[in-house]
Amino acid sequence: MDLIIRNANLPDGRSGIDIGIKNGKIVVLESSLSAKATEEIDASGKLVSPPFVDAHFHMDATLSLGLPRLNQSGTLLEGIALWGELKPHLTVE
């Protein structure tokens, strides 16, 4: 393990949980994890959760939602096609 966060409380109500992380991914959630890690943090019974704010967003899409139409499939392929349809209508402003 690269990192273990020990004695964490989780949003689902579980407490005293050790969170094992390897290569940037959570690989185990377990009470009293016997493994050792390069770095260990004692959460001391505090809440450990995903971020409350997702800072990843596409600023360019804030002004173009639904133009020329919404991405119905949610796929990258359709997203690329939509930008191809929108691009001729874009201006420097």
N, C-alpha and C. Protein backbone atom coordinates (compact mmCIF):
# COMPACT_ATOMS: atom_id res chain seq x y z
N MET A 1 0.84 -1.18 0.00
CA MET A 1 0.00 0.00 0.00
C MET A 1 0.89 1.25 0.00
N ASP A 2 0.39 2.27 -0.69
CA ASP A 2 1.09 3.55 -0.68
C ASP A 2 0.64 4.40 0.51
N LEU A 3 -0.64 4.30 0.84
CA LEU A 3 -1.21 5.11 1.91
C LEU A 3 -2.31 4.33 2.61
N ILE A 4 -2.34 4.41 3.92
CA ILE A 4 -3.45 3.87 4.70
C ILE A 4 -3.96 4.99 5.60
N ILE A 5 -5.24 5.26 5.52
CA ILE A 5 -5.89 6.19 6.44
C ILE A 5 -6.56 5.31 7.49
N ARG A 6 -6.11 5.42 8.71
CA ARG A 6 -6.58 4.53 9.77
C ARG A 6 -7.64 5.20 10.64
N ASN A 7 -8.56 4.35 11.15
CA ASN A 7 -9.57 4.76 12.12
C ASN A 7 -10.47 5.87 11.60
N ALA A 8 -10.98 5.68 10.39
CA ALA A 8 -11.84 6.69 9.75
C ALA A 8 -13.31 6.38 9.97
N ASN A 9 -14.10 7.42 10.07
CA ASN A 9 -15.56 7.28 10.01
C ASN A 9 -15.97 7.58 8.58
N LEU A 10 -16.86 6.75 8.03
CA LEU A 10 -17.30 6.91 6.65
C LEU A 10 -18.71 7.48 6.59
N PRO A 11 -19.06 8.12 5.47
CA PRO A 11 -20.39 8.72 5.35
C PRO A 11 -21.54 7.73 5.49
N ASP A 12 -21.28 6.44 5.23
CA ASP A 12 -22.36 5.44 5.34
C ASP A 12 -22.58 4.97 6.78
N GLY A 13 -21.85 5.56 7.74
CA GLY A 13 -22.06 5.22 9.14
C GLY A 13 -21.03 4.27 9.73
N ARG A 14 -20.23 3.63 8.90
CA ARG A 14 -19.20 2.74 9.43
C ARG A 14 -18.13 3.57 10.14
N SER A 15 -17.60 3.01 11.21
CA SER A 15 -16.56 3.73 11.95
C SER A 15 -15.39 2.81 12.23
N GLY A 16 -14.23 3.41 12.52
CA GLY A 16 -13.04 2.63 12.81
C GLY A 16 -12.53 1.88 11.59
N ILE A 17 -12.71 2.45 10.43
CA ILE A 17 -12.34 1.78 9.18
C ILE A 17 -10.96 2.26 8.72
N ASP A 18 -10.15 1.32 8.24
CA ASP A 18 -8.87 1.65 7.62
C ASP A 18 -9.08 1.64 6.11
N ILE A 19 -8.54 2.66 5.45
CA ILE A 19 -8.69 2.82 4.00
C ILE A 19 -7.33 2.60 3.36
N GLY A 20 -7.19 1.53 2.59
CA GLY A 20 -5.94 1.22 1.92
C GLY A 20 -5.94 1.76 0.50
N ILE A 21 -4.87 2.51 0.16
CA ILE A 21 -4.78 3.15 -1.14
C ILE A 21 -3.48 2.72 -1.82
N LYS A 22 -3.59 2.32 -3.09
CA LYS A 22 -2.43 1.92 -3.88
C LYS A 22 -2.57 2.52 -5.27
N ASN A 23 -1.52 3.16 -5.74
CA ASN A 23 -1.53 3.80 -7.07
C ASN A 23 -2.69 4.77 -7.22
N GLY A 24 -3.01 5.49 -6.15
CA GLY A 24 -4.04 6.52 -6.21
C GLY A 24 -5.46 6.01 -6.16
N LYS A 25 -5.65 4.71 -5.92
CA LYS A 25 -6.99 4.14 -5.88
C LYS A 25 -7.23 3.42 -4.56
N ILE A 26 -8.46 3.55 -4.06
CA ILE A 26 -8.83 2.81 -2.85
C ILE A 26 -8.94 1.34 -3.22
N VAL A 27 -8.18 0.50 -2.53
CA VAL A 27 -8.18 -0.93 -2.84
C VAL A 27 -8.79 -1.77 -1.73
N VAL A 28 -8.90 -1.20 -0.52
CA VAL A 28 -9.50 -1.96 0.58
C VAL A 28 -10.06 -1.01 1.63
N LEU A 29 -11.23 -1.38 2.14
CA LEU A 29 -11.85 -0.74 3.30
C LEU A 29 -12.05 -1.84 4.32
N GLU A 30 -11.37 -1.73 5.45
CA GLU A 30 -11.40 -2.84 6.40
C GLU A 30 -11.12 -2.33 7.81
N SER A 31 -11.75 -2.94 8.77
CA SER A 31 -11.46 -2.61 10.16
C SER A 31 -10.16 -3.28 10.56
N SER A 32 -9.26 -2.56 11.19
CA SER A 32 -7.97 -3.09 11.68
C SER A 32 -7.17 -3.77 10.57
N LEU A 33 -6.94 -3.07 9.49
CA LEU A 33 -6.16 -3.58 8.36
C LEU A 33 -4.74 -3.90 8.83
N SER A 34 -4.28 -5.13 8.56
CA SER A 34 -2.96 -5.55 9.05
C SER A 34 -1.82 -5.06 8.16
N ALA A 35 -2.12 -4.66 6.94
CA ALA A 35 -1.08 -4.22 6.01
C ALA A 35 -0.40 -2.95 6.51
N LYS A 36 0.79 -2.70 6.00
CA LYS A 36 1.54 -1.47 6.29
C LYS A 36 1.63 -0.67 4.99
N ALA A 37 1.89 0.63 5.13
CA ALA A 37 1.98 1.49 3.95
C ALA A 37 3.17 2.43 4.08
N THR A 38 3.58 2.99 2.95
CA THR A 38 4.64 3.97 2.93
C THR A 38 4.28 5.17 3.80
N GLU A 39 3.01 5.58 3.73
CA GLU A 39 2.52 6.68 4.55
C GLU A 39 1.23 6.24 5.24
N GLU A 40 1.10 6.58 6.50
CA GLU A 40 -0.11 6.26 7.24
C GLU A 40 -0.61 7.51 7.96
N ILE A 41 -1.92 7.71 7.90
CA ILE A 41 -2.55 8.86 8.55
C ILE A 41 -3.58 8.33 9.54
N ASP A 42 -3.54 8.84 10.76
CA ASP A 42 -4.54 8.48 11.75
C ASP A 42 -5.68 9.50 11.67
N ALA A 43 -6.84 9.06 11.20
CA ALA A 43 -7.99 9.95 11.07
C ALA A 43 -8.63 10.23 12.43
N SER A 44 -8.25 9.49 13.45
CA SER A 44 -8.73 9.70 14.83
C SER A 44 -10.25 9.76 14.92
N GLY A 45 -10.92 8.90 14.16
CA GLY A 45 -12.38 8.84 14.23
C GLY A 45 -13.08 9.98 13.51
N LYS A 46 -12.36 10.73 12.71
CA LYS A 46 -12.97 11.83 11.96
C LYS A 46 -13.58 11.31 10.66
N LEU A 47 -14.49 12.10 10.10
CA LEU A 47 -15.16 11.74 8.85
C LEU A 47 -14.19 11.83 7.68
N VAL A 48 -14.14 10.79 6.87
CA VAL A 48 -13.37 10.79 5.63
C VAL A 48 -14.39 10.56 4.52
N SER A 49 -14.43 11.49 3.57
CA SER A 49 -15.45 11.40 2.51
C SER A 49 -14.88 11.89 1.19
N PRO A 50 -15.60 11.62 0.10
CA PRO A 50 -15.22 12.22 -1.17
C PRO A 50 -15.37 13.73 -1.06
N PRO A 51 -14.80 14.48 -1.98
CA PRO A 51 -14.94 15.93 -1.92
C PRO A 51 -16.40 16.34 -1.99
N PHE A 52 -16.75 17.41 -1.29
CA PHE A 52 -18.11 17.91 -1.32
C PHE A 52 -18.37 18.73 -2.58
N VAL A 53 -17.31 19.17 -3.22
CA VAL A 53 -17.42 19.96 -4.45
C VAL A 53 -16.56 19.29 -5.51
N ASP A 54 -17.14 19.07 -6.68
CA ASP A 54 -16.38 18.53 -7.79
C ASP A 54 -15.88 19.71 -8.62
N ALA A 55 -14.61 20.01 -8.51
CA ALA A 55 -14.05 21.18 -9.19
C ALA A 55 -13.80 20.94 -10.67
N HIS A 56 -14.04 19.73 -11.15
CA HIS A 56 -13.81 19.44 -12.56
C HIS A 56 -15.06 19.77 -13.37
N PHE A 57 -14.98 20.83 -14.13
CA PHE A 57 -16.07 21.15 -15.04
C PHE A 57 -15.47 21.84 -16.26
N HIS A 58 -16.24 21.91 -17.32
CA HIS A 58 -15.77 22.48 -18.57
C HIS A 58 -16.38 23.86 -18.72
N MET A 59 -15.58 24.90 -18.46
CA MET A 59 -16.07 26.27 -18.47
C MET A 59 -16.71 26.63 -19.81
N ASP A 60 -16.15 26.13 -20.90
CA ASP A 60 -16.71 26.45 -22.21
C ASP A 60 -18.14 25.95 -22.36
N ALA A 61 -18.48 24.88 -21.66
CA ALA A 61 -19.83 24.30 -21.79
C ALA A 61 -20.87 25.06 -20.98
N THR A 62 -20.44 25.94 -20.07
CA THR A 62 -21.42 26.67 -19.26
C THR A 62 -22.27 27.61 -20.10
N LEU A 63 -21.74 28.08 -21.21
CA LEU A 63 -22.49 29.01 -22.07
C LEU A 63 -23.02 28.34 -23.33
N SER A 64 -22.79 27.05 -23.47
CA SER A 64 -23.22 26.38 -24.70
C SER A 64 -24.10 25.16 -24.45
N LEU A 65 -24.57 24.98 -23.22
CA LEU A 65 -25.41 23.83 -22.91
C LEU A 65 -26.63 23.78 -23.83
N GLY A 66 -26.81 22.69 -24.50
CA GLY A 66 -27.96 22.51 -25.38
C GLY A 66 -27.77 23.07 -26.78
N LEU A 67 -26.61 23.66 -27.04
CA LEU A 67 -26.35 24.20 -28.38
C LEU A 67 -25.36 23.30 -29.09
N PRO A 68 -25.60 22.82 -30.21
CA PRO A 68 -26.83 22.94 -30.98
C PRO A 68 -27.95 22.05 -30.46
N ARG A 69 -27.57 21.06 -29.63
CA ARG A 69 -28.55 20.16 -29.01
C ARG A 69 -27.85 19.44 -27.87
N LEU A 70 -28.60 18.77 -27.02
CA LEU A 70 -28.00 18.02 -25.92
C LEU A 70 -27.40 16.71 -26.40
N ASN A 71 -26.39 16.26 -25.73
CA ASN A 71 -25.76 14.98 -26.02
C ASN A 71 -26.66 13.88 -25.44
N GLN A 72 -27.47 13.29 -26.27
CA GLN A 72 -28.45 12.30 -25.82
C GLN A 72 -27.82 11.00 -25.36
N SER A 73 -26.74 10.59 -26.01
CA SER A 73 -26.11 9.31 -25.66
C SER A 73 -25.12 9.45 -24.51
N GLY A 74 -24.61 10.67 -24.29
CA GLY A 74 -23.61 10.88 -23.26
C GLY A 74 -22.23 10.35 -23.64
N THR A 75 -22.06 10.01 -24.90
CA THR A 75 -20.78 9.44 -25.33
C THR A 75 -19.83 10.53 -25.83
N LEU A 76 -18.55 10.22 -25.78
CA LEU A 76 -17.54 11.12 -26.31
C LEU A 76 -17.74 11.32 -27.81
N LEU A 77 -18.08 10.27 -28.52
CA LEU A 77 -18.27 10.37 -29.96
C LEU A 77 -19.35 11.39 -30.31
N GLU A 78 -20.48 11.34 -29.61
CA GLU A 78 -21.54 12.32 -29.88
C GLU A 78 -21.10 13.71 -29.43
N GLY A 79 -20.36 13.81 -28.33
CA GLY A 79 -19.86 15.10 -27.87
C GLY A 79 -18.96 15.76 -28.90
N ILE A 80 -18.09 14.98 -29.52
CA ILE A 80 -17.22 15.50 -30.57
C ILE A 80 -18.05 15.96 -31.77
N ALA A 81 -19.06 15.17 -32.14
CA ALA A 81 -19.94 15.55 -33.25
C ALA A 81 -20.67 16.86 -32.94
N LEU A 82 -21.13 17.02 -31.70
CA LEU A 82 -21.82 18.25 -31.31
C LEU A 82 -20.91 19.47 -31.43
N TRP A 83 -19.67 19.34 -30.99
CA TRP A 83 -18.74 20.47 -31.12
C TRP A 83 -18.48 20.78 -32.58
N GLY A 84 -18.45 19.76 -33.42
CA GLY A 84 -18.30 19.99 -34.86
C GLY A 84 -19.47 20.78 -35.42
N GLU A 85 -20.68 20.52 -34.92
CA GLU A 85 -21.86 21.27 -35.35
C GLU A 85 -21.85 22.70 -34.81
N LEU A 86 -21.34 22.87 -33.60
CA LEU A 86 -21.36 24.19 -32.95
C LEU A 86 -20.24 25.10 -33.44
N LYS A 87 -19.09 24.53 -33.76
CA LYS A 87 -17.90 25.32 -34.08
C LYS A 87 -18.12 26.40 -35.14
N PRO A 88 -18.84 26.14 -36.23
CA PRO A 88 -19.04 27.20 -37.23
C PRO A 88 -19.79 28.42 -36.69
N HIS A 89 -20.49 28.27 -35.58
CA HIS A 89 -21.29 29.37 -35.01
C HIS A 89 -20.55 30.12 -33.91
N LEU A 90 -19.37 29.68 -33.54
CA LEU A 90 -18.61 30.33 -32.47
C LEU A 90 -17.94 31.60 -32.98
N THR A 91 -17.85 32.58 -32.08
CA THR A 91 -17.17 33.83 -32.40
C THR A 91 -16.08 34.08 -31.37
N VAL A 92 -15.23 35.04 -31.62
CA VAL A 92 -14.15 35.38 -30.70
C VAL A 92 -14.72 35.88 -29.38
N GLU A 93 -15.83 36.61 -29.43
CA GLU A 93 -16.44 37.14 -28.22
C GLU A 93 -16.92 36.01 -27.36
